[in-house]
Amino acid sequence: MIILLYRGYVRKSPLVNFSKIWYYATIMGVCMAGTQASEGITFPQELLSFIDEWKVKPGSLIMILHRVQETFGYISRPAAEQLSRLVGIPLARIYGVITFYHFFKTTKPGKHKISVCLGTACYLKGAQDLIDETRSLLGLEPGGVTQDGQFSVDPVRCVGCCGLAPVLTVGNDTFGKLTKDMLPGIIAKYQNV
């Protein structure tokens, strides 16, 4: 079977095993160029300038991914595909980095991102209970977002406020020395914002 790639569309021919070729082409990043999925995203000029400046420097992929996530709140498939074309790095390598590092998100977070510290001090003072209670109050599964798109809850490794353990952040606001009883009040503060 022979595969013809034209503007992101794949045509099959019975001369070559299609599934093996598609697998290898996808792993190598060959099939990502020109797909329809990436046509719906537009990188702002500031981001494009940043990418142009840094793409030629060795080891800059993580820095560029941070900037993409800062711009959009997460790294969507279309954003990863466009970045792949802009920097000349295979999509599989970009996804390898995105999925290896816990910081990068591939799904859109809630408007109010709740992060619960699971560093040693916070963990020992009950941070896991705070995560479980917050998810319970909001009706969320791990990695989920509330139906109205307002809240998401994620564990983080360290917030850097060990003296206030356990610590939770909502956006740029930090709450320390928390108990489960304090969570409904914190959530209510952001529900009408």
Protein backbone atom coordinates (compact mmCIF):
# COMPACT_ATOMS: atom_id res chain seq x y z
CA MET A 1 0.00 0.00 0.00
CA ILE A 2 1.30 3.48 -0.83
CA ILE A 3 0.34 6.49 1.26
CA LEU A 4 -0.05 9.86 -0.32
CA LEU A 5 -0.02 12.89 1.97
CA TYR A 6 -1.70 15.89 0.47
CA ARG A 7 -2.74 18.89 2.61
CA GLY A 8 -3.07 16.70 5.68
CA TYR A 9 -5.26 14.07 3.97
CA VAL A 10 -4.08 10.49 3.71
CA ARG A 11 -4.80 8.30 0.70
CA LYS A 12 -4.19 4.53 0.77
CA SER A 13 -2.92 2.19 -1.85
CA PRO A 14 -2.88 -1.62 -1.37
CA LEU A 15 0.87 -1.90 -2.01
CA VAL A 16 2.07 -1.16 1.58
CA ASN A 17 0.86 -1.92 5.13
CA PHE A 18 -0.92 1.35 6.00
CA SER A 19 -1.05 0.95 9.79
CA LYS A 20 2.73 0.49 10.15
CA ILE A 21 3.55 3.43 7.89
CA TRP A 22 1.03 5.70 9.63
CA TYR A 23 2.47 4.71 13.02
CA TYR A 24 6.05 5.44 11.97
CA ALA A 25 5.13 8.63 10.17
CA THR A 26 3.23 9.90 13.20
CA ILE A 27 6.07 9.02 15.58
CA MET A 28 8.52 10.83 13.34
CA GLY A 29 6.28 13.89 13.13
CA VAL A 30 5.80 13.59 9.38
CA CYS A 31 2.00 13.62 9.36
CA MET A 32 1.46 16.71 11.47
CA ALA A 33 2.19 19.32 8.82
CA GLY A 34 -0.83 20.93 7.18
CA THR A 35 -3.54 19.16 9.17
CA GLN A 36 -6.91 20.78 9.48
CA ALA A 37 -6.81 20.64 13.29
CA SER A 38 -4.03 23.23 13.46
CA GLU A 39 -5.71 25.74 11.18
CA GLY A 40 -7.98 27.02 13.99
CA ILE A 41 -5.27 28.47 16.26
CA THR A 42 -3.49 31.77 15.87
CA PHE A 43 -0.33 32.59 17.76
CA PRO A 44 -0.14 36.24 18.81
CA GLN A 45 2.68 38.26 17.26
CA GLU A 46 4.46 38.53 20.62
CA LEU A 47 4.57 34.74 20.91
CA LEU A 48 5.74 34.36 17.30
CA SER A 49 8.57 36.84 17.94
CA PHE A 50 9.58 34.94 21.06
CA ILE A 51 9.61 31.63 19.16
CA ASP A 52 11.64 33.13 16.30
CA GLU A 53 14.21 34.46 18.76
CA TRP A 54 14.59 31.23 20.76
CA LYS A 55 14.04 28.42 18.22
CA VAL A 56 17.65 28.53 17.00
CA LYS A 57 19.11 28.16 20.50
CA PRO A 58 19.85 24.61 21.67
CA GLY A 59 17.67 23.34 24.51
CA SER A 60 15.05 26.08 24.18
CA LEU A 61 11.99 23.85 23.67
CA ILE A 62 10.97 23.85 27.34
CA MET A 63 11.21 27.64 27.50
CA ILE A 64 9.10 27.98 24.36
CA LEU A 65 6.51 25.51 25.69
CA HIS A 66 6.27 27.53 28.91
CA ARG A 67 5.52 30.64 26.86
CA VAL A 68 2.87 28.83 24.77
CA GLN A 69 1.18 27.57 27.94
CA GLU A 70 1.41 31.03 29.51
CA THR A 71 -0.32 32.47 26.44
CA PHE A 72 -3.17 29.94 26.14
CA GLY A 73 -3.38 28.43 29.65
CA TYR A 74 -2.53 24.99 28.28
CA ILE A 75 -0.94 23.41 25.20
CA SER A 76 -3.62 22.18 22.82
CA ARG A 77 -2.98 19.74 19.99
CA PRO A 78 -3.34 22.50 17.36
CA ALA A 79 -0.87 24.67 19.30
CA ALA A 80 1.62 21.79 19.50
CA GLU A 81 1.21 21.13 15.77
CA GLN A 82 1.80 24.76 14.88
CA LEU A 83 4.79 24.96 17.20
CA SER A 84 6.19 21.84 15.53
CA ARG A 85 6.06 23.55 12.15
CA LEU A 86 7.50 26.82 13.47
CA VAL A 87 10.52 25.32 15.25
CA GLY A 88 11.08 22.33 12.97
CA ILE A 89 10.83 19.77 15.77
CA PRO A 90 8.75 16.61 15.26
CA LEU A 91 5.38 16.64 16.99
CA ALA A 92 6.26 13.39 18.78
CA ARG A 93 9.26 15.04 20.44
CA ILE A 94 7.15 18.02 21.54
CA TYR A 95 4.54 15.68 23.04
CA GLY A 96 7.33 13.71 24.70
CA VAL A 97 8.40 16.85 26.56
CA ILE A 98 4.83 17.97 27.32
CA THR A 99 3.86 14.62 28.80
CA PHE A 100 7.12 14.10 30.70
CA TYR A 101 6.93 17.31 32.71
CA HIS A 102 4.05 17.60 35.17
CA PHE A 103 3.81 21.38 34.71
CA PHE A 104 2.53 21.22 31.13
CA LYS A 105 -1.21 20.77 30.61
CA THR A 106 -2.88 19.43 27.47
CA THR A 107 -6.42 20.19 28.60
CA LYS A 108 -7.89 23.60 29.30
CA PRO A 109 -7.92 24.39 33.04
CA GLY A 110 -10.79 26.09 34.82
CA LYS A 111 -11.02 29.86 34.98
CA HIS A 112 -9.96 29.58 38.63
CA LYS A 113 -7.13 27.06 38.83
CA ILE A 114 -6.85 25.66 42.34
CA SER A 115 -3.41 24.22 43.09
CA VAL A 116 -2.79 22.27 46.28
CA CYS A 117 0.82 21.90 47.37
CA LEU A 118 2.00 18.34 47.91
CA GLY A 119 5.52 19.24 49.00
CA THR A 120 6.80 17.40 52.07
CA ALA A 121 5.61 19.92 54.69
CA CYS A 122 2.16 20.30 53.12
CA TYR A 123 1.76 16.58 52.55
CA LEU A 124 2.60 15.78 56.16
CA LYS A 125 0.05 18.35 57.33
CA GLY A 126 -2.83 16.88 55.31
CA ALA A 127 -2.64 18.34 51.80
CA GLN A 128 -3.98 15.16 50.19
CA ASP A 129 -7.12 15.52 52.32
CA LEU A 130 -7.47 19.09 51.03
CA ILE A 131 -7.28 17.88 47.43
CA ASP A 132 -9.87 15.17 48.06
CA GLU A 133 -12.22 17.58 49.87
CA THR A 134 -11.87 20.32 47.23
CA ARG A 135 -12.63 17.85 44.45
CA SER A 136 -15.57 16.51 46.44
CA LEU A 137 -17.01 20.00 47.00
CA LEU A 138 -16.72 20.80 43.29
CA GLY A 139 -17.76 17.33 42.06
CA LEU A 140 -14.52 16.79 40.15
CA GLU A 141 -12.50 13.79 39.12
CA PRO A 142 -8.68 14.12 38.92
CA GLY A 143 -7.78 16.33 35.96
CA GLY A 144 -11.38 17.50 35.53
CA VAL A 145 -12.96 20.91 35.17
CA THR A 146 -16.34 21.93 36.59
CA GLN A 147 -19.19 21.89 34.06
CA ASP A 148 -19.35 25.69 34.06
CA GLY A 149 -15.60 25.87 33.34
CA GLN A 150 -14.94 27.86 36.52
CA PHE A 151 -12.72 25.51 38.56
CA SER A 152 -10.03 22.89 38.18
CA VAL A 153 -7.97 21.31 40.96
CA ASP A 154 -4.41 20.11 40.53
CA PRO A 155 -1.69 18.97 42.90
CA VAL A 156 1.65 20.78 42.62
CA ARG A 157 5.03 19.75 44.01
CA CYS A 158 5.89 22.87 46.04
CA VAL A 159 4.55 26.38 46.30
CA GLY A 160 7.49 27.64 48.36
CA CYS A 161 5.46 28.58 51.43
CA CYS A 162 6.44 25.66 53.68
CA GLY A 163 5.94 27.71 56.85
CA LEU A 164 2.25 28.08 55.94
CA ALA A 165 1.64 24.37 55.31
CA PRO A 166 -0.73 23.10 54.09
CA VAL A 167 -1.02 25.61 51.23
CA LEU A 168 -3.51 26.08 48.42
CA THR A 169 -3.41 28.67 45.64
CA VAL A 170 -6.22 30.00 43.49
CA GLY A 171 -4.61 31.81 40.59
CA ASN A 172 -2.13 34.20 42.22
CA ASP A 173 -3.80 34.12 45.67
CA THR A 174 -2.20 31.94 48.35
CA PHE A 175 -4.02 30.46 51.36
CA GLY A 176 -2.05 28.81 54.16
CA LYS A 177 -2.50 26.87 57.40
CA LEU A 178 -5.67 25.43 55.90
CA THR A 179 -8.21 22.98 57.22
CA LYS A 180 -10.96 21.24 55.27
CA ASP A 181 -13.52 23.50 56.99
CA MET A 182 -11.99 26.57 55.33
CA LEU A 183 -12.39 25.28 51.77
CA PRO A 184 -16.09 26.13 51.17
CA GLY A 185 -15.41 29.78 52.04
CA ILE A 186 -12.41 29.97 49.72
CA ILE A 187 -14.35 28.40 46.84
CA ALA A 188 -17.34 30.73 47.46
CA LYS A 189 -15.02 33.74 47.14
CA TYR A 190 -14.37 32.83 43.49
CA GLN A 191 -17.75 31.46 42.41
CA ASN A 192 -19.21 34.85 41.55
CA VAL A 193 -16.06 36.39 40.08
